[in-house]
Protein backbone atom coordinates (compact mmCIF):
# COMPACT_ATOMS: atom_id res chain seq x y z
CA MET A 1 -15.58 -95.85 60.03
CA ILE A 2 -18.77 -97.20 57.45
CA GLU A 3 -20.34 -100.35 58.78
CA ALA A 4 -22.92 -102.19 56.51
CA ILE A 5 -26.40 -103.38 58.39
CA GLY A 6 -28.19 -105.14 56.23
CA ASN A 7 -29.96 -102.23 54.21
CA GLN A 8 -28.10 -99.73 56.20
CA TYR A 9 -24.66 -97.59 56.09
CA VAL A 10 -23.93 -96.66 59.98
CA VAL A 11 -20.81 -93.93 59.63
CA ALA A 12 -18.80 -93.43 62.54
CA ARG A 13 -16.16 -90.50 62.29
CA PRO A 14 -14.97 -88.42 64.94
CA VAL A 15 -15.91 -85.25 65.39
CA TYR A 16 -13.31 -82.25 65.55
CA SER A 17 -13.33 -78.65 67.65
CA THR A 18 -10.85 -76.25 65.81
CA LYS A 19 -8.61 -76.58 68.72
CA THR A 20 -8.86 -80.87 68.75
CA PHE A 21 -8.56 -80.36 65.08
CA GLY A 22 -5.53 -78.01 65.12
CA GLU A 23 -3.90 -80.57 68.05
CA GLU A 24 -3.87 -83.82 65.91
CA PHE A 25 -3.09 -82.26 62.22
CA LYS A 26 -0.42 -79.76 62.69
CA LYS A 27 -0.27 -76.55 60.42
CA THR A 28 2.60 -76.63 58.01
CA HIS A 29 4.17 -73.27 57.08
CA ARG A 30 4.96 -73.09 53.66
CA HIS A 31 7.51 -70.80 51.88
CA HIS A 32 6.39 -68.54 49.23
CA LYS A 33 8.97 -68.49 46.60
CA THR A 34 9.75 -64.53 45.31
CA PHE A 35 10.78 -63.64 41.79
CA LEU A 36 13.80 -63.85 42.72
CA ASP A 37 13.75 -67.59 43.91
CA HIS A 38 11.49 -68.58 40.40
CA LEU A 39 14.68 -66.36 38.50
CA LYS A 40 17.26 -68.58 40.13
CA GLY A 41 15.22 -71.70 39.23
CA CYS A 42 14.47 -71.25 35.84
CA CYS A 43 18.67 -69.63 35.27
CA SER A 44 20.14 -72.94 37.16
CA CYS A 45 21.31 -75.21 35.25
CA SER A 46 22.03 -78.82 36.50
CA SER A 47 22.82 -81.83 33.88
CA GLN A 48 19.84 -83.24 33.92
CA LYS A 49 18.21 -80.06 33.11
CA ALA A 50 20.75 -79.11 30.30
CA LYS A 51 20.12 -83.06 28.89
CA LYS A 52 16.47 -82.43 28.62
CA ILE A 53 17.21 -79.11 27.17
CA ALA A 54 19.57 -80.65 24.55
CA LEU A 55 17.19 -83.38 23.67
CA SER A 56 13.96 -81.09 23.22
CA LEU A 57 15.77 -78.74 20.88
CA PHE A 58 17.43 -81.91 19.00
CA PRO A 59 15.11 -84.61 19.19
CA ILE A 60 18.01 -86.88 17.01
CA ALA A 61 19.99 -87.79 19.90
CA SER A 62 16.64 -89.59 21.45
CA TRP A 63 15.46 -91.43 18.73
CA LEU A 64 18.67 -92.11 16.37
CA PRO A 65 20.09 -94.69 18.93
CA ALA A 66 16.97 -96.45 19.14
CA TYR A 67 16.70 -96.74 15.36
CA LYS A 68 15.99 -100.35 14.19
CA ILE A 69 18.02 -100.60 11.07
CA LYS A 70 16.75 -103.89 9.74
CA GLU A 71 13.60 -103.53 10.39
CA TRP A 72 13.04 -99.66 9.26
CA LEU A 73 15.83 -99.17 6.89
CA LEU A 74 14.14 -100.35 3.52
CA SER A 75 10.80 -98.73 4.36
CA ASP A 76 12.46 -95.54 5.12
CA ILE A 77 14.51 -95.90 1.89
CA VAL A 78 11.55 -96.37 -0.33
CA SER A 79 9.61 -93.65 1.16
CA GLY A 80 12.11 -91.20 1.35
CA ILE A 81 12.65 -91.59 -2.31
CA SER A 82 8.88 -91.10 -2.95
CA THR A 83 8.94 -88.21 -0.63
CA GLY A 84 11.80 -87.07 -2.42
CA LEU A 85 10.48 -86.96 -6.04
CA VAL A 86 7.47 -85.38 -4.82
CA ALA A 87 9.33 -82.43 -2.90
CA VAL A 88 11.47 -81.80 -6.23
CA LEU A 89 8.28 -81.24 -8.25
CA GLN A 90 7.20 -79.35 -5.87
CA GLY A 91 9.86 -77.31 -5.71
CA LEU A 92 10.25 -76.70 -9.29
CA ALA A 93 6.49 -76.20 -9.69
CA PHE A 94 6.84 -73.35 -6.71
CA ALA A 95 9.76 -71.55 -7.73
CA LEU A 96 7.55 -70.57 -10.89
CA LEU A 97 4.78 -69.17 -8.12
CA VAL A 98 7.62 -66.75 -6.88
CA ASN A 99 8.53 -66.05 -10.28
CA ILE A 100 12.22 -67.09 -9.65
CA PRO A 101 14.14 -69.48 -11.89
CA PRO A 102 13.26 -73.66 -10.77
CA ALA A 103 16.59 -74.20 -9.60
CA TYR A 104 15.88 -72.01 -6.18
CA GLY A 105 13.06 -74.27 -5.59
CA LEU A 106 15.11 -77.38 -5.59
CA TYR A 107 17.17 -75.53 -2.65
CA ALA A 108 13.93 -74.61 -0.81
CA ALA A 109 12.67 -78.51 -0.97
CA PHE A 110 16.57 -79.85 0.00
CA PHE A 111 17.85 -77.40 2.82
CA PRO A 112 14.41 -78.05 5.29
CA VAL A 113 14.59 -81.66 5.28
CA ILE A 114 18.33 -81.20 6.64
CA THR A 115 16.99 -78.98 8.79
CA TYR A 116 13.87 -80.96 10.22
CA PHE A 117 16.50 -84.13 9.92
CA PHE A 118 18.10 -82.69 13.25
CA LEU A 119 15.54 -80.35 14.84
CA GLY A 120 11.82 -82.32 13.61
CA THR A 121 9.95 -83.77 16.08
CA SER A 122 7.46 -85.94 13.83
CA ARG A 123 8.89 -88.66 11.54
CA HIS A 124 5.79 -88.46 9.43
CA ILE A 125 6.22 -85.13 8.03
CA SER A 126 7.43 -83.89 4.66
CA VAL A 127 8.69 -80.08 4.89
CA GLY A 128 9.35 -77.76 1.84
CA PRO A 129 8.18 -74.92 0.22
CA PHE A 130 4.44 -74.06 0.42
CA PRO A 131 2.52 -73.17 -2.27
CA VAL A 132 0.31 -69.97 -0.24
CA LEU A 133 3.31 -68.75 1.03
CA SER A 134 4.85 -69.08 -2.82
CA MET A 135 2.20 -66.97 -4.26
CA MET A 136 2.43 -64.01 -1.51
CA VAL A 137 5.98 -64.02 -2.28
CA GLY A 138 5.82 -63.92 -5.64
CA VAL A 139 3.22 -61.01 -5.50
CA VAL A 140 5.75 -59.15 -3.64
CA VAL A 141 8.46 -60.20 -6.00
CA THR A 142 6.36 -59.15 -9.08
CA ARG A 143 5.33 -55.65 -7.31
CA VAL A 144 9.11 -54.58 -6.05
CA VAL A 145 10.80 -55.98 -8.68
CA SER A 146 10.16 -54.29 -12.57
CA ASP A 147 10.32 -56.06 -15.73
CA PRO A 148 13.28 -54.47 -17.49
CA ASN A 149 11.18 -56.01 -20.79
CA ALA A 150 8.16 -53.60 -20.19
CA SER A 151 9.71 -50.73 -20.83
CA SER A 152 10.70 -49.62 -24.04
CA GLU A 153 13.96 -47.72 -23.07
CA LEU A 154 15.63 -50.82 -21.38
CA SER A 155 17.39 -53.22 -23.90
CA SER A 156 16.64 -57.05 -23.12
CA SER A 157 20.49 -57.96 -23.41
CA SER A 158 21.40 -61.37 -21.24
CA THR A 159 23.59 -59.28 -18.42
CA GLU A 160 20.29 -56.78 -17.92
CA ASN A 161 18.31 -60.18 -17.76
CA ASP A 162 20.72 -61.13 -14.91
CA SER A 163 20.51 -58.48 -12.97
CA PHE A 164 16.98 -58.51 -13.09
CA ILE A 165 16.89 -62.06 -11.89
CA GLU A 166 19.26 -61.98 -9.15
CA GLU A 167 16.95 -58.85 -7.88
CA LYS A 168 14.02 -61.12 -7.84
CA VAL A 169 15.77 -63.78 -6.12
CA MET A 170 17.33 -61.16 -3.02
CA VAL A 171 13.78 -59.57 -2.62
CA ALA A 172 12.22 -63.42 -2.29
CA ALA A 173 15.09 -64.27 -0.15
CA SER A 174 14.71 -61.12 2.00
CA VAL A 175 11.04 -61.58 2.59
CA THR A 176 11.67 -65.39 3.71
CA VAL A 177 14.26 -64.24 6.11
CA LEU A 178 11.67 -61.69 7.33
CA SER A 179 8.95 -63.91 7.55
CA GLY A 180 11.09 -67.02 9.21
CA ILE A 181 12.31 -64.27 11.81
CA ILE A 182 8.36 -63.38 12.63
CA GLN A 183 7.23 -67.15 12.54
CA LEU A 184 10.22 -67.41 14.94
CA LEU A 185 9.22 -64.67 17.70
CA LEU A 186 5.76 -66.18 17.49
CA GLY A 187 6.47 -69.90 18.55
CA VAL A 188 8.57 -68.35 20.96
CA LEU A 189 5.95 -65.97 22.34
CA GLN A 190 3.50 -69.21 22.27
CA VAL A 191 1.20 -67.93 19.40
CA GLY A 192 0.06 -71.10 18.32
CA PHE A 193 -2.73 -71.13 20.98
CA VAL A 194 -4.90 -68.96 18.15
CA VAL A 195 -5.19 -71.98 16.18
CA ILE A 196 -7.75 -73.45 19.06
CA TYR A 197 -9.82 -70.76 17.95
CA LEU A 198 -10.23 -72.04 14.17
CA SER A 199 -13.22 -73.94 13.33
CA GLU A 200 -13.19 -76.57 11.24
CA SER A 201 -15.41 -75.19 8.27
CA LEU A 202 -12.43 -71.88 8.29
CA ILE A 203 -9.38 -74.18 7.85
CA SER A 204 -11.70 -76.69 5.30
CA GLY A 205 -12.25 -73.55 3.19
CA PHE A 206 -9.50 -71.85 3.08
CA THR A 207 -7.48 -75.21 2.13
CA THR A 208 -10.32 -75.38 -0.65
CA ALA A 209 -9.65 -71.85 -1.71
CA ALA A 210 -6.01 -72.00 -1.49
CA ALA A 211 -6.06 -75.23 -3.59
CA ILE A 212 -7.91 -73.75 -6.59
CA HIS A 213 -6.28 -70.55 -6.59
CA VAL A 214 -2.98 -72.54 -6.82
CA LEU A 215 -4.38 -75.14 -9.88
CA VAL A 216 -5.68 -71.61 -11.59
CA SER A 217 -2.26 -69.49 -11.30
CA GLN A 218 -0.30 -72.67 -12.43
CA LEU A 219 -2.21 -72.37 -16.04
CA LYS A 220 -0.35 -69.66 -17.00
CA PHE A 221 2.74 -71.75 -17.29
CA MET A 222 1.04 -75.22 -18.51
CA LEU A 223 -0.08 -72.95 -21.28
CA GLN A 224 2.41 -70.63 -21.63
CA LEU A 225 -0.07 -67.77 -21.83
CA PRO A 226 1.45 -64.45 -21.38
CA VAL A 227 -0.86 -62.79 -18.01
CA PRO A 228 -0.40 -59.82 -16.91
CA ALA A 229 0.48 -58.24 -13.44
CA TYR A 230 -3.00 -57.10 -12.20
CA SER A 231 -2.83 -54.65 -9.28
CA ASP A 232 -6.34 -52.97 -9.33
CA PRO A 233 -9.34 -54.36 -6.81
CA PHE A 234 -10.12 -57.26 -6.67
CA SER A 235 -6.72 -58.88 -8.05
């Protein structure tokens, strides 16, 4: 108990010994869970836990019933059209970075949006192909698949060109699937904490350099310049 007397405080509190403290405050015995107890708690599935897991995997089930059609529908349609136009143009351009036909860029711009509609957690984001990854996949495609027109022994018939394009698409798809598997494993292992240790100057420098690199790589398509592949140091 604390009482104020003038400009002073008088503190009155009981003094305990070990015996009196133990008599007044009984010791509670806690049960320490074993590994099997924690495993049972993680593996047990109740209705509430199953609902929580389902909502975390499919966030659309939580926000779609609360969607305000009259207030949000018109603005969402306008933003969807503008975002879709940008995604289509980016898909066409990024397909050229991968060295595959532009039609596959449309596929890359269309299907991620459908997947993110069901599994995404943010309504203020547009998913799709990324220019830096497109360039990296394009480097693999150029290195693995040899151009038949570069050799004089091979003819430039339409059949050989079609098989050449199919081979490039197959290599690009294989690299994409393998990258997705690695990214899924990194997400399961919670490796995203590494981003915390990246400084702001490093991220801004990487973003600026990537933008300049993508801009320069598009010039050969804009100016129709035949630029041969270069694999020497500083390529």
